[in-house]
C-alpha cells in the first residue's frame, strides 16, 4: 500500500484531467477487471453539470526573476481548477488570491474552485510572511479548461447472491496522503483479497471524484443500487 501511495502521490488529481486518469490506469494494472468509464463535460446529472476537463502544464508566482511559488514543487500550490492567467500584480491585489493557514503555519492548504472560474495560489503562512510588500509579482498559470471527460472506475465482483456490498473511494485530490490516497490504496488491496474469496454477496467497487462522481453513479446505476444491502466509503484512513 505504501509503494502504491508513493507511485500515485505526485499526480495532480482533480475532478477531471490527466492526473486522475493516470491514477485509474495505475490501479487498473493491479486490478485488471477495473473498467475505466467516463462522462462528457456539459452533461446534466440531475441538477448538476459535469465540468470541463482541467489540466495544468505550469503555474508559478515570480518576484525579481525568482519563482517564489511553483506548481512543479508542490501541486497544492495551485488552486484546483484555476483558469489560465498571465499578468503582473502589486502585492495589495495579489494577497487576495493567496491562501494559507495561520493555525498551521507549515502547511500548504488545499483549495478548489471547481464550479467557479477563478484562480489562486496556496502557500505556508511562514512563507506568506516573508513576501515583499512592495514591487510587482509576475503571475503565470498555463492551464486549460475545455470540453472533455470526467473519468471514474468501476468493478463488479460477483458472489453467490446478486445482493451487493458497495465500496467507494475518492480519486479527486492531489498530493495528500491521508485525505485521498489512503482510501484508494487500502481499497485496492482489499479488493485483491475479496477477488480471491468465495463470496456470498456480490461487491461493487467505485473509484470516482468526490460528490459529482457519486451523483453520476446514482443516475447511471439507479436500478443496480436497489440491490445494495450495505455500503462503505474509504477515506482518511
Protein backbone atom coordinates (compact mmCIF):
# COMPACT_ATOMS: atom_id res chain seq x y z
CA UNK A 1 0.00 0.00 0.00
CA UNK A 2 2.87 2.39 0.81
CA UNK A 3 4.51 1.54 -2.53
CA UNK A 4 1.27 2.32 -4.37
CA UNK A 5 0.82 5.55 -2.41
CA UNK A 6 4.33 6.71 -3.34
CA UNK A 7 3.61 5.99 -7.00
CA UNK A 8 0.31 7.90 -7.02
CA UNK A 9 1.30 10.77 -4.72
CA UNK A 10 2.84 13.12 -7.36
CA UNK A 11 -0.14 13.01 -9.76
CA UNK A 12 -2.18 16.21 -10.00
CA UNK A 13 -5.64 14.76 -9.42
CA UNK A 14 -8.85 16.78 -9.60
CA UNK A 15 -12.44 16.20 -10.69
CA UNK A 16 -11.09 15.64 -14.20
CA UNK A 17 -7.78 15.66 -16.05
CA UNK A 18 -4.67 13.64 -16.82
CA UNK A 19 -3.67 13.03 -13.19
CA UNK A 20 -6.99 11.40 -12.35
CA UNK A 21 -6.89 9.19 -15.46
CA UNK A 22 -3.26 8.19 -14.74
CA UNK A 23 -4.32 7.20 -11.22
CA UNK A 24 -7.06 4.92 -12.56
CA UNK A 25 -4.67 3.31 -15.07
CA UNK A 26 -2.15 2.51 -12.32
CA UNK A 27 -4.90 0.89 -10.23
CA UNK A 28 -6.13 -0.97 -13.33
CA UNK A 29 -2.71 -2.68 -13.63
CA UNK A 30 -3.24 -4.07 -10.11
CA UNK A 31 -6.95 -4.78 -10.69
CA UNK A 32 -7.31 -5.71 -14.40
CA UNK A 33 -11.09 -6.09 -14.05
CA UNK A 34 -11.41 -2.36 -13.28
CA UNK A 35 -13.43 -0.72 -16.05
CA UNK A 36 -12.49 2.91 -16.67
CA UNK A 37 -15.65 4.74 -17.64
CA UNK A 38 -16.30 8.38 -18.48
CA UNK A 39 -18.94 11.03 -18.94
CA UNK A 40 -18.65 14.07 -21.20
CA UNK A 41 -18.31 17.66 -19.99
CA UNK A 42 -21.58 19.58 -20.06
CA UNK A 43 -23.76 16.54 -19.49
CA UNK A 44 -26.54 17.13 -16.99
CA UNK A 45 -26.63 14.81 -13.99
CA UNK A 46 -29.84 15.55 -12.08
CA UNK A 47 -29.37 19.26 -11.22
CA UNK A 48 -25.55 19.13 -11.58
CA UNK A 49 -23.48 19.69 -14.73
CA UNK A 50 -20.31 17.69 -15.48
CA UNK A 51 -17.49 20.30 -15.50
CA UNK A 52 -14.98 20.98 -18.27
CA UNK A 53 -11.76 18.99 -18.19
CA UNK A 54 -8.90 20.77 -16.37
CA UNK A 55 -5.19 20.26 -16.98
CA UNK A 56 -2.09 22.20 -15.92
CA UNK A 57 1.31 22.44 -17.62
CA UNK A 58 2.90 25.16 -15.49
CA UNK A 59 1.99 27.67 -12.78
CA UNK A 60 4.10 29.99 -10.65
CA UNK A 61 4.47 33.38 -8.97
CA UNK A 62 7.73 35.17 -9.69
CA UNK A 63 9.37 38.12 -7.93
CA UNK A 64 12.55 39.69 -9.32
CA UNK A 65 13.25 36.71 -11.60
CA UNK A 66 12.86 34.23 -8.75
CA UNK A 67 9.94 31.80 -8.58
CA UNK A 68 8.64 32.03 -5.03
CA UNK A 69 5.65 29.70 -5.51
CA UNK A 70 5.91 26.93 -8.10
CA UNK A 71 3.33 24.28 -9.02
CA UNK A 72 6.19 21.96 -10.04
CA UNK A 73 7.44 21.84 -6.46
CA UNK A 74 4.04 21.01 -4.98
CA UNK A 75 0.73 20.71 -6.84
CA UNK A 76 -1.12 22.00 -3.77
CA UNK A 77 0.33 25.44 -4.54
CA UNK A 78 -2.28 25.99 -7.25
CA UNK A 79 -5.99 26.35 -6.51
CA UNK A 80 -7.62 23.42 -8.29
CA UNK A 81 -9.41 24.43 -11.50
CA UNK A 82 -7.55 27.76 -11.75
CA UNK A 83 -8.09 29.44 -15.11
CA UNK A 84 -5.09 30.45 -17.28
CA UNK A 85 -3.58 33.82 -16.45
CA UNK A 86 -0.53 35.91 -17.27
CA UNK A 87 -0.14 39.32 -15.61
CA UNK A 88 1.81 41.44 -13.13
CA UNK A 89 0.21 42.47 -9.86
CA UNK A 90 1.06 44.57 -6.83
CA UNK A 91 1.10 42.70 -3.51
CA UNK A 92 -2.01 44.57 -2.32
CA UNK A 93 -4.01 42.93 -5.13
CA UNK A 94 -2.18 39.59 -5.20
CA UNK A 95 -2.73 38.88 -1.49
CA UNK A 96 -6.47 38.50 -2.14
CA UNK A 97 -5.61 35.44 -4.27
CA UNK A 98 -3.28 33.81 -1.72
CA UNK A 99 -4.43 31.11 0.73
CA UNK A 100 -2.71 29.94 3.91
CA UNK A 101 -3.46 28.62 7.40
CA UNK A 102 -2.38 30.74 10.35
CA UNK A 103 -3.04 27.89 12.78
CA UNK A 104 -0.90 25.51 10.70
CA UNK A 105 1.98 27.78 9.60
CA UNK A 106 3.98 24.97 7.93
CA UNK A 107 1.08 23.56 5.89
CA UNK A 108 0.06 24.34 2.31
CA UNK A 109 -3.77 24.29 2.27
CA UNK A 110 -5.83 22.55 -0.40
CA UNK A 111 -8.24 24.98 -2.09
CA UNK A 112 -10.56 24.39 -5.06
CA UNK A 113 -12.64 26.44 -7.45
CA UNK A 114 -14.35 23.59 -9.28
CA UNK A 115 -17.52 25.34 -10.38
CA UNK A 116 -16.40 29.00 -10.43
CA UNK A 117 -13.98 30.39 -13.00
CA UNK A 118 -11.30 31.81 -10.74
CA UNK A 119 -7.62 31.36 -9.84
CA UNK A 120 -5.36 31.43 -6.82
CA UNK A 121 -2.24 30.11 -5.11
CA UNK A 122 -1.66 28.40 -1.77
CA UNK A 123 1.40 28.63 0.44
CA UNK A 124 2.53 28.19 4.01
CA UNK A 125 1.81 31.04 6.39
CA UNK A 126 5.54 31.22 7.17
CA UNK A 127 6.32 31.88 3.51
CA UNK A 128 3.46 34.34 3.22
CA UNK A 129 5.00 36.46 5.98
CA UNK A 130 8.29 36.59 4.04
CA UNK A 131 6.71 38.07 0.88
CA UNK A 132 7.86 41.53 -0.17
CA UNK A 133 5.04 44.04 0.25
CA UNK A 134 6.45 46.31 -2.47
CA UNK A 135 7.11 45.77 -6.14
CA UNK A 136 5.25 43.69 -8.70
CA UNK A 137 4.77 39.96 -8.92
CA UNK A 138 4.54 38.03 -12.17
CA UNK A 139 1.62 35.60 -12.17
CA UNK A 140 1.63 32.77 -14.70
CA UNK A 141 -0.81 29.86 -14.98
CA UNK A 142 -0.64 27.68 -18.09
CA UNK A 143 -3.82 25.65 -17.67
CA UNK A 144 -6.64 24.52 -19.93
CA UNK A 145 -10.36 24.32 -19.21
CA UNK A 146 -12.20 22.79 -22.14
CA UNK A 147 -14.79 20.22 -23.11
CA UNK A 148 -13.51 16.77 -22.27
CA UNK A 149 -14.32 13.86 -19.98
CA UNK A 150 -14.70 13.01 -16.33
CA UNK A 151 -13.22 9.55 -15.69
CA UNK A 152 -14.09 7.04 -13.00
CA UNK A 153 -13.50 3.34 -12.36
CA UNK A 154 -15.87 0.51 -11.50
CA UNK A 155 -15.53 -3.20 -10.68
CA UNK A 156 -18.20 -5.82 -10.06
CA UNK A 157 -17.15 -8.98 -8.23
CA UNK A 158 -19.99 -11.48 -8.46
CA UNK A 159 -20.86 -13.67 -5.48
CA UNK A 160 -23.43 -16.40 -4.91
CA UNK A 161 -26.09 -13.73 -4.31
CA UNK A 162 -26.87 -10.78 -6.56
CA UNK A 163 -27.26 -8.64 -3.41
CA UNK A 164 -24.37 -6.20 -3.34
CA UNK A 165 -21.92 -4.67 -0.88
CA UNK A 166 -20.96 -1.23 -2.24
CA UNK A 167 -17.42 0.06 -1.65
CA UNK A 168 -16.49 3.61 -2.69
CA UNK A 169 -13.41 5.84 -2.58
CA UNK A 170 -12.36 9.24 -3.98
CA UNK A 171 -9.74 9.92 -6.65
CA UNK A 172 -10.01 13.71 -6.97
CA UNK A 173 -7.47 15.16 -4.53
CA UNK A 174 -3.84 15.93 -5.45
CA UNK A 175 -0.78 15.21 -3.28
CA UNK A 176 -2.32 14.44 0.10
CA UNK A 177 -1.67 11.07 1.73
CA UNK A 178 -4.49 10.85 4.26
CA UNK A 179 -7.42 12.73 2.72
CA UNK A 180 -7.23 10.87 -0.57
CA UNK A 181 -4.64 8.23 -1.21
CA UNK A 182 -5.23 6.26 1.97
CA UNK A 183 -8.69 5.42 0.61
CA UNK A 184 -7.76 4.15 -2.88
CA UNK A 185 -4.64 2.33 -1.61
CA UNK A 186 -6.44 0.47 1.19
CA UNK A 187 -9.46 -0.30 -1.01
CA UNK A 188 -7.31 -1.57 -3.90
CA UNK A 189 -5.61 -4.09 -1.62
CA UNK A 190 -8.91 -5.07 -0.02
CA UNK A 191 -10.37 -5.76 -3.49
CA UNK A 192 -7.38 -8.01 -4.30
CA UNK A 193 -8.30 -10.04 -1.21
CA UNK A 194 -12.05 -10.09 -1.99
CA UNK A 195 -11.35 -11.40 -5.51
CA UNK A 196 -9.61 -14.48 -4.05
CA UNK A 197 -12.53 -15.37 -1.78
CA UNK A 198 -15.62 -17.48 -2.35
CA UNK A 199 -18.08 -14.65 -1.66
CA UNK A 200 -21.67 -14.96 -0.50
CA UNK A 201 -22.54 -11.44 -1.69
CA UNK A 202 -21.51 -9.54 -4.80
CA UNK A 203 -19.27 -6.49 -4.44
CA UNK A 204 -19.49 -3.31 -6.49
CA UNK A 205 -16.46 -1.01 -6.17
CA UNK A 206 -16.35 2.62 -7.32
CA UNK A 207 -13.31 4.89 -7.73
CA UNK A 208 -14.71 8.34 -8.52
CA UNK A 209 -14.24 12.07 -7.90
CA UNK A 210 -15.99 13.33 -4.79
CA UNK A 211 -19.68 14.38 -4.93
CA UNK A 212 -20.08 14.63 -8.73
CA UNK A 213 -18.83 11.04 -9.15
CA UNK A 214 -21.33 9.74 -6.60
CA UNK A 215 -24.15 11.64 -8.32
CA UNK A 216 -23.14 10.21 -11.71
CA UNK A 217 -23.15 6.71 -10.19
CA UNK A 218 -26.64 7.20 -8.75
CA UNK A 219 -28.03 8.38 -12.10
CA UNK A 220 -26.37 5.65 -14.17
CA UNK A 221 -26.94 2.78 -11.71
CA UNK A 222 -30.32 3.55 -10.14
CA UNK A 223 -31.67 0.04 -10.74
CA UNK A 224 -28.43 -1.69 -9.71
CA UNK A 225 -28.27 0.32 -6.47
CA UNK A 226 -31.53 -1.28 -5.38
CA UNK A 227 -29.51 -4.48 -4.85
CA UNK A 228 -27.17 -2.78 -2.35
CA UNK A 229 -27.62 -4.03 1.22
CA UNK A 230 -24.60 -2.27 2.76
CA UNK A 231 -22.13 0.42 1.74
CA UNK A 232 -18.77 1.76 2.90
CA UNK A 233 -16.76 4.84 1.94
CA UNK A 234 -12.96 4.63 2.20
CA UNK A 235 -11.48 7.99 3.15
CA UNK A 236 -8.98 9.42 5.68
CA UNK A 237 -7.73 6.00 6.76
